[in-house]
């Protein structure tokens, strides 16, 4: 009986080399993305808050937006409030101050209130978008 030896020794090293090249290419791409800034410019969100409520003292319905402040309250340069589709109103940057709509008949639970804050670095962020 004759035994013949097949040459299968090269299969495992070839697969190993292919895997090593693939890992190297992936690592190079990830490192290049961080080094050359291709990961994107992510901006950190500022933490400030506002609340909105619907009051009807003596039958007069009014919407109120109140600035609550937050850890980044010192960075707020200005704020605007929009009630429903009315023109934006300016809101004070002093914590606890409120802005209200003109007294009138308002739909309950269908009044859209949006508060936007502009910061000293020039960025603008919506800090409240709700229906009251």
Protein backbone atom coordinates (compact mmCIF):
# COMPACT_ATOMS: atom_id res chain seq x y z
CA UNK A 1 0.00 0.00 0.00
CA UNK A 2 1.15 3.39 -0.92
CA UNK A 3 0.29 6.41 1.10
CA UNK A 4 0.28 9.72 -0.66
CA UNK A 5 0.63 12.90 1.28
CA UNK A 6 -1.57 15.76 0.12
CA UNK A 7 -0.22 19.27 0.42
CA UNK A 8 -2.81 20.99 2.64
CA UNK A 9 -0.35 22.88 4.80
CA UNK A 10 -0.88 26.25 3.03
CA UNK A 11 -4.62 26.63 3.74
CA UNK A 12 -4.37 27.76 7.35
CA UNK A 13 -1.54 30.31 6.85
CA UNK A 14 -3.36 31.93 3.88
CA UNK A 15 -6.54 32.39 5.91
CA UNK A 16 -4.50 33.79 8.78
CA UNK A 17 -2.80 36.33 6.54
CA UNK A 18 -6.13 37.44 5.04
CA UNK A 19 -7.62 37.94 8.51
CA UNK A 20 -4.56 39.91 9.69
CA UNK A 21 -4.77 42.21 6.65
CA UNK A 22 -8.52 42.77 7.22
CA UNK A 23 -7.98 43.65 10.89
CA UNK A 24 -5.15 46.03 9.96
CA UNK A 25 -7.29 47.82 7.34
CA UNK A 26 -10.21 48.23 9.78
CA UNK A 27 -7.94 49.59 12.53
CA UNK A 28 -6.31 52.01 10.10
CA UNK A 29 -9.72 53.31 8.98
CA UNK A 30 -10.92 53.87 12.57
CA UNK A 31 -7.71 55.64 13.60
CA UNK A 32 -7.79 57.82 10.46
CA UNK A 33 -11.41 58.81 11.20
CA UNK A 34 -10.45 60.12 14.62
CA UNK A 35 -7.16 61.71 13.59
CA UNK A 36 -8.58 63.54 10.57
CA UNK A 37 -11.85 64.52 12.26
CA UNK A 38 -14.14 62.42 10.11
CA UNK A 39 -16.06 61.30 13.19
CA UNK A 40 -18.03 64.58 13.08
CA UNK A 41 -18.25 67.66 15.24
CA UNK A 42 -20.56 66.67 18.03
CA UNK A 43 -21.83 69.56 20.10
CA UNK A 44 -22.58 69.12 23.74
CA UNK A 45 -26.17 69.95 24.66
CA UNK A 46 -26.68 72.62 27.25
CA UNK A 47 -28.88 71.78 30.23
CA UNK A 48 -31.55 74.41 30.90
CA UNK A 49 -35.30 74.05 31.25
CA UNK A 50 -38.60 75.86 30.92
CA UNK A 51 -42.16 74.89 31.77
CA UNK A 52 -45.52 75.86 30.32
CA UNK A 53 -48.96 75.86 31.88
CA UNK A 54 -52.50 76.95 31.16
CA UNK A 55 -54.26 79.05 33.79
CA UNK A 56 -57.75 80.49 33.91
CA UNK A 57 -57.88 82.98 36.80
CA UNK A 58 -61.33 84.61 37.00
CA UNK A 59 -62.33 82.98 33.71
CA UNK A 60 -59.55 84.58 31.64
CA UNK A 61 -57.55 81.83 29.94
CA UNK A 62 -53.82 82.52 29.66
CA UNK A 63 -50.75 80.49 28.69
CA UNK A 64 -47.56 80.93 30.72
CA UNK A 65 -43.98 79.88 29.96
CA UNK A 66 -41.57 79.99 32.93
CA UNK A 67 -37.78 79.76 32.78
CA UNK A 68 -36.52 77.19 35.31
CA UNK A 69 -32.77 77.54 34.79
CA UNK A 70 -30.36 74.62 35.10
CA UNK A 71 -26.63 73.88 35.32
CA UNK A 72 -25.93 75.93 32.16
CA UNK A 73 -28.21 78.87 33.05
CA UNK A 74 -25.22 81.24 33.20
CA UNK A 75 -24.48 80.59 29.52
CA UNK A 76 -27.91 81.74 28.24
CA UNK A 77 -27.76 85.08 26.42
CA UNK A 78 -31.41 85.33 25.29
CA UNK A 79 -34.63 83.34 24.99
CA UNK A 80 -37.72 83.45 22.81
CA UNK A 81 -41.18 82.00 23.39
CA UNK A 82 -43.74 81.20 20.71
CA UNK A 83 -47.34 80.53 21.72
CA UNK A 84 -49.28 78.68 19.00
CA UNK A 85 -48.38 80.43 15.73
CA UNK A 86 -48.02 83.93 17.19
CA UNK A 87 -44.90 86.03 16.76
CA UNK A 88 -42.07 85.06 19.14
CA UNK A 89 -41.86 86.96 22.43
CA UNK A 90 -38.62 87.66 24.27
CA UNK A 91 -38.19 86.00 27.66
CA UNK A 92 -35.89 87.18 30.44
CA UNK A 93 -32.87 85.03 31.28
CA UNK A 94 -33.53 85.45 35.01
CA UNK A 95 -34.54 82.13 36.55
CA UNK A 96 -38.20 82.08 37.62
CA UNK A 97 -39.49 84.73 35.23
CA UNK A 98 -42.55 84.05 33.08
CA UNK A 99 -44.01 85.22 29.79
CA UNK A 100 -47.73 84.97 29.09
CA UNK A 101 -50.05 85.19 26.12
CA UNK A 102 -52.68 87.83 25.75
CA UNK A 103 -55.77 86.90 27.72
CA UNK A 104 -58.40 85.32 25.56
CA UNK A 105 -60.15 82.14 24.59
CA UNK A 106 -57.64 79.32 24.18
CA UNK A 107 -58.18 75.73 23.19
CA UNK A 108 -57.44 73.40 26.08
CA UNK A 109 -54.66 70.85 25.43
CA UNK A 110 -54.08 72.15 21.89
CA UNK A 111 -51.89 75.19 22.55
CA UNK A 112 -48.36 74.79 21.19
CA UNK A 113 -45.59 76.38 23.27
CA UNK A 114 -41.96 76.49 22.07
CA UNK A 115 -39.12 78.04 24.09
CA UNK A 116 -35.69 78.50 22.46
CA UNK A 117 -32.51 79.58 24.22
CA UNK A 118 -29.53 81.27 22.56
CA UNK A 119 -26.21 80.84 24.31
CA UNK A 120 -23.12 83.04 24.48
CA UNK A 121 -21.23 80.63 22.19
CA UNK A 122 -23.78 81.42 19.43
CA UNK A 123 -25.64 78.10 19.54
CA UNK A 124 -29.42 77.92 19.79
CA UNK A 125 -31.34 75.09 21.40
CA UNK A 126 -35.05 74.36 21.84
CA UNK A 127 -35.51 73.83 25.58
CA UNK A 128 -39.28 73.29 25.55
CA UNK A 129 -41.66 72.09 22.84
CA UNK A 130 -45.01 71.03 24.26
CA UNK A 131 -48.78 71.27 24.01
CA UNK A 132 -50.71 72.72 26.94
